[in-house]
Amino acid sequence: MEEERGLMFPDWQLPYFVALAPGSPETLRERVDQAERAILVRLAELIRRPEREMEQFAMRDALDTLYAIKIEKLDFSHCMPGPSEAV
């Protein structure tokens, strides 16, 4: 697939970059959900493979970015940590 060229981890990076790309606000929630699912499926696969540490780090970073989109653009303010949950 042409979109996969240049991606180190296309199974989850492709839906992730689709979620980040400019697009219809009406489809943003669905795009973020698809990206999160793809990342979480891959993380579950990697639990048994510690040699893939670089990919796991990249996925944690991607999940942090998707979380920020949920807070800032999808009104998931109820997901923000309260004062007792802050680190």
N, C-alpha and C. Protein backbone atom coordinates (compact mmCIF):
# COMPACT_ATOMS: atom_id res chain seq x y z
N MET A 1 0.84 -1.17 0.00
CA MET A 1 0.00 0.00 0.00
C MET A 1 0.89 1.25 0.00
N GLU A 2 0.58 2.20 -0.78
CA GLU A 2 1.41 3.40 -0.94
C GLU A 2 1.54 4.18 0.37
N GLU A 3 0.45 4.29 1.17
CA GLU A 3 0.49 5.05 2.41
C GLU A 3 1.45 4.44 3.42
N GLU A 4 1.70 3.14 3.35
CA GLU A 4 2.53 2.45 4.33
C GLU A 4 4.02 2.68 4.08
N ARG A 5 4.38 3.12 2.91
CA ARG A 5 5.79 3.33 2.60
C ARG A 5 6.37 4.38 3.54
N GLY A 6 7.48 4.04 4.14
CA GLY A 6 8.15 4.97 5.03
C GLY A 6 7.72 4.88 6.48
N LEU A 7 6.68 4.12 6.78
CA LEU A 7 6.26 3.96 8.17
C LEU A 7 6.98 2.76 8.77
N MET A 8 7.53 2.93 9.96
CA MET A 8 8.22 1.82 10.62
C MET A 8 7.23 0.78 11.14
N PHE A 9 6.05 1.23 11.57
CA PHE A 9 5.05 0.35 12.17
C PHE A 9 3.68 0.62 11.55
N PRO A 10 3.49 0.27 10.29
CA PRO A 10 2.28 0.67 9.56
C PRO A 10 0.97 0.12 10.14
N ASP A 11 1.00 -1.01 10.83
CA ASP A 11 -0.25 -1.57 11.35
C ASP A 11 -0.98 -0.60 12.26
N TRP A 12 -0.26 0.16 13.04
CA TRP A 12 -0.92 1.11 13.92
C TRP A 12 -0.62 2.56 13.54
N GLN A 13 0.51 2.83 12.86
CA GLN A 13 0.84 4.21 12.51
C GLN A 13 -0.10 4.77 11.45
N LEU A 14 -0.53 3.96 10.52
CA LEU A 14 -1.42 4.47 9.47
C LEU A 14 -2.72 5.00 10.08
N PRO A 15 -3.45 4.22 10.91
CA PRO A 15 -4.65 4.81 11.51
C PRO A 15 -4.34 5.97 12.45
N TYR A 16 -3.17 5.94 13.08
CA TYR A 16 -2.78 7.05 13.96
C TYR A 16 -2.63 8.34 13.17
N PHE A 17 -1.90 8.29 12.05
CA PHE A 17 -1.71 9.50 11.25
C PHE A 17 -3.00 9.95 10.58
N VAL A 18 -3.88 9.02 10.28
CA VAL A 18 -5.20 9.40 9.75
C VAL A 18 -5.96 10.19 10.82
N ALA A 19 -5.85 9.76 12.08
CA ALA A 19 -6.53 10.48 13.16
C ALA A 19 -5.96 11.88 13.34
N LEU A 20 -4.66 12.04 13.13
CA LEU A 20 -4.02 13.35 13.31
C LEU A 20 -4.23 14.29 12.13
N ALA A 21 -4.51 13.73 10.97
CA ALA A 21 -4.63 14.53 9.75
C ALA A 21 -5.86 15.44 9.81
N PRO A 22 -5.78 16.57 9.13
CA PRO A 22 -6.97 17.42 9.05
C PRO A 22 -8.10 16.64 8.41
N GLY A 23 -9.25 16.82 8.92
CA GLY A 23 -10.42 16.12 8.38
C GLY A 23 -11.67 16.66 9.02
N SER A 24 -12.73 16.00 8.73
CA SER A 24 -14.02 16.42 9.24
C SER A 24 -14.09 16.25 10.76
N PRO A 25 -14.51 17.29 11.45
CA PRO A 25 -14.68 17.16 12.90
C PRO A 25 -15.70 16.07 13.27
N GLU A 26 -16.62 15.82 12.36
CA GLU A 26 -17.64 14.79 12.61
C GLU A 26 -17.05 13.39 12.65
N THR A 27 -15.92 13.18 11.99
CA THR A 27 -15.31 11.84 11.97
C THR A 27 -14.11 11.72 12.91
N LEU A 28 -13.77 12.79 13.61
CA LEU A 28 -12.58 12.77 14.47
C LEU A 28 -12.68 11.71 15.56
N ARG A 29 -13.80 11.62 16.23
CA ARG A 29 -13.96 10.63 17.30
C ARG A 29 -13.74 9.21 16.77
N GLU A 30 -14.32 8.91 15.62
CA GLU A 30 -14.16 7.58 15.01
C GLU A 30 -12.70 7.32 14.63
N ARG A 31 -12.04 8.33 14.06
CA ARG A 31 -10.64 8.17 13.67
C ARG A 31 -9.74 7.96 14.89
N VAL A 32 -9.99 8.70 15.95
CA VAL A 32 -9.21 8.52 17.19
C VAL A 32 -9.47 7.14 17.77
N ASP A 33 -10.72 6.71 17.80
CA ASP A 33 -11.05 5.37 18.31
C ASP A 33 -10.35 4.27 17.51
N GLN A 34 -10.35 4.39 16.19
CA GLN A 34 -9.68 3.38 15.35
C GLN A 34 -8.18 3.36 15.62
N ALA A 35 -7.59 4.51 15.76
CA ALA A 35 -6.15 4.58 16.03
C ALA A 35 -5.83 3.97 17.39
N GLU A 36 -6.63 4.30 18.39
CA GLU A 36 -6.40 3.72 19.73
C GLU A 36 -6.52 2.20 19.69
N ARG A 37 -7.54 1.70 19.02
CA ARG A 37 -7.72 0.24 18.92
C ARG A 37 -6.51 -0.42 18.27
N ALA A 38 -6.05 0.16 17.17
CA ALA A 38 -4.89 -0.41 16.47
C ALA A 38 -3.66 -0.44 17.37
N ILE A 39 -3.45 0.63 18.12
CA ILE A 39 -2.30 0.69 19.02
C ILE A 39 -2.43 -0.32 20.15
N LEU A 40 -3.61 -0.41 20.75
CA LEU A 40 -3.80 -1.33 21.86
C LEU A 40 -3.70 -2.79 21.44
N VAL A 41 -4.18 -3.11 20.25
CA VAL A 41 -4.03 -4.48 19.72
C VAL A 41 -2.55 -4.81 19.57
N ARG A 42 -1.81 -3.88 19.01
CA ARG A 42 -0.38 -4.12 18.82
C ARG A 42 0.36 -4.19 20.16
N LEU A 43 0.00 -3.35 21.12
CA LEU A 43 0.61 -3.42 22.44
C LEU A 43 0.38 -4.79 23.08
N ALA A 44 -0.82 -5.32 22.93
CA ALA A 44 -1.11 -6.65 23.48
C ALA A 44 -0.22 -7.71 22.84
N GLU A 45 0.05 -7.57 21.55
CA GLU A 45 0.93 -8.51 20.86
C GLU A 45 2.36 -8.39 21.37
N LEU A 46 2.79 -7.19 21.73
CA LEU A 46 4.17 -6.95 22.11
C LEU A 46 4.49 -7.27 23.57
N ILE A 47 3.49 -7.53 24.37
CA ILE A 47 3.73 -7.83 25.78
C ILE A 47 4.71 -8.98 25.93
N ARG A 48 4.64 -9.92 25.03
CA ARG A 48 5.51 -11.09 25.09
C ARG A 48 6.82 -10.88 24.34
N ARG A 49 7.06 -9.67 23.83
CA ARG A 49 8.27 -9.42 23.03
C ARG A 49 8.99 -8.17 23.50
N PRO A 50 9.76 -8.27 24.57
CA PRO A 50 10.42 -7.08 25.11
C PRO A 50 11.46 -6.46 24.16
N GLU A 51 11.89 -7.18 23.15
CA GLU A 51 12.88 -6.63 22.22
C GLU A 51 12.30 -5.51 21.36
N ARG A 52 11.01 -5.29 21.42
CA ARG A 52 10.35 -4.24 20.63
C ARG A 52 10.13 -2.97 21.45
N GLU A 53 11.06 -2.65 22.32
CA GLU A 53 10.94 -1.52 23.21
C GLU A 53 10.75 -0.20 22.47
N MET A 54 11.46 -0.01 21.36
CA MET A 54 11.34 1.24 20.60
C MET A 54 9.90 1.42 20.09
N GLU A 55 9.30 0.36 19.60
CA GLU A 55 7.93 0.47 19.11
C GLU A 55 6.97 0.75 20.28
N GLN A 56 7.19 0.12 21.41
CA GLN A 56 6.33 0.37 22.57
C GLN A 56 6.42 1.83 23.01
N PHE A 57 7.61 2.40 22.99
CA PHE A 57 7.78 3.81 23.33
C PHE A 57 7.00 4.69 22.34
N ALA A 58 7.11 4.37 21.06
CA ALA A 58 6.40 5.15 20.03
C ALA A 58 4.89 5.06 20.23
N MET A 59 4.40 3.90 20.62
CA MET A 59 2.96 3.74 20.84
C MET A 59 2.50 4.52 22.07
N ARG A 60 3.30 4.53 23.13
CA ARG A 60 2.92 5.32 24.32
C ARG A 60 2.83 6.80 23.95
N ASP A 61 3.78 7.28 23.16
CA ASP A 61 3.76 8.67 22.72
C ASP A 61 2.51 8.94 21.87
N ALA A 62 2.17 8.02 20.99
CA ALA A 62 0.99 8.17 20.14
C ALA A 62 -0.29 8.19 20.99
N LEU A 63 -0.37 7.31 21.97
CA LEU A 63 -1.56 7.29 22.84
C LEU A 63 -1.68 8.59 23.63
N ASP A 64 -0.56 9.14 24.08
CA ASP A 64 -0.59 10.43 24.78
C ASP A 64 -1.16 11.52 23.87
N THR A 65 -0.74 11.52 22.61
CA THR A 65 -1.23 12.52 21.67
C THR A 65 -2.72 12.35 21.41
N LEU A 66 -3.18 11.11 21.24
CA LEU A 66 -4.61 10.86 21.03
C LEU A 66 -5.42 11.28 22.25
N TYR A 67 -4.88 11.04 23.43
CA TYR A 67 -5.54 11.47 24.67
C TYR A 67 -5.70 12.99 24.68
N ALA A 68 -4.66 13.70 24.27
CA ALA A 68 -4.73 15.17 24.21
C ALA A 68 -5.80 15.62 23.24
N ILE A 69 -5.93 14.94 22.11
CA ILE A 69 -6.98 15.29 21.14
C ILE A 69 -8.35 15.09 21.78
N LYS A 70 -8.52 14.00 22.51
CA LYS A 70 -9.81 13.76 23.17
C LYS A 70 -10.14 14.89 24.13
N ILE A 71 -9.17 15.32 24.90
CA ILE A 71 -9.40 16.39 25.88
C ILE A 71 -9.69 17.72 25.17
N GLU A 72 -8.85 18.06 24.19
CA GLU A 72 -8.92 19.39 23.58
C GLU A 72 -10.01 19.53 22.52
N LYS A 73 -10.30 18.47 21.78
CA LYS A 73 -11.19 18.62 20.63
C LYS A 73 -12.47 17.81 20.73
N LEU A 74 -12.50 16.80 21.60
CA LEU A 74 -13.68 15.94 21.66
C LEU A 74 -14.40 16.03 23.00
N ASP A 75 -14.04 17.04 23.80
CA ASP A 75 -14.72 17.31 25.06
C ASP A 75 -14.74 16.10 25.99
N PHE A 76 -13.59 15.48 26.17
CA PHE A 76 -13.45 14.39 27.12
C PHE A 76 -12.88 14.95 28.42
N SER A 77 -13.35 16.12 28.83
CA SER A 77 -12.79 16.78 30.01
C SER A 77 -12.96 15.93 31.27
N HIS A 78 -13.94 15.04 31.27
CA HIS A 78 -14.13 14.16 32.42
C HIS A 78 -12.97 13.17 32.58
N CYS A 79 -12.12 13.06 31.59
CA CYS A 79 -10.97 12.15 31.64
C CYS A 79 -9.76 12.80 32.29
N MET A 80 -9.81 14.09 32.52
CA MET A 80 -8.65 14.78 33.08
C MET A 80 -8.48 14.39 34.54
N PRO A 81 -7.25 14.19 34.98
CA PRO A 81 -7.03 13.84 36.39
C PRO A 81 -7.40 15.00 37.30
N GLY A 82 -8.01 14.65 38.41
CA GLY A 82 -8.35 15.65 39.41
C GLY A 82 -7.13 15.93 40.28
N PRO A 83 -7.26 16.84 41.24
CA PRO A 83 -6.12 17.21 42.09
C PRO A 83 -5.51 16.02 42.81
N SER A 84 -6.31 15.07 43.24
CA SER A 84 -5.76 13.92 43.96
C SER A 84 -5.10 12.92 43.04
N GLU A 85 -5.39 12.99 41.75
CA GLU A 85 -4.81 12.05 40.79
C GLU A 85 -3.56 12.59 40.13
N ALA A 86 -3.30 13.86 40.27
CA ALA A 86 -2.14 14.45 39.59
C ALA A 86 -0.85 13.83 40.13
N VAL A 87 0.12 13.71 39.25
CA VAL A 87 1.40 13.12 39.64
C VAL A 87 2.40 14.17 39.99
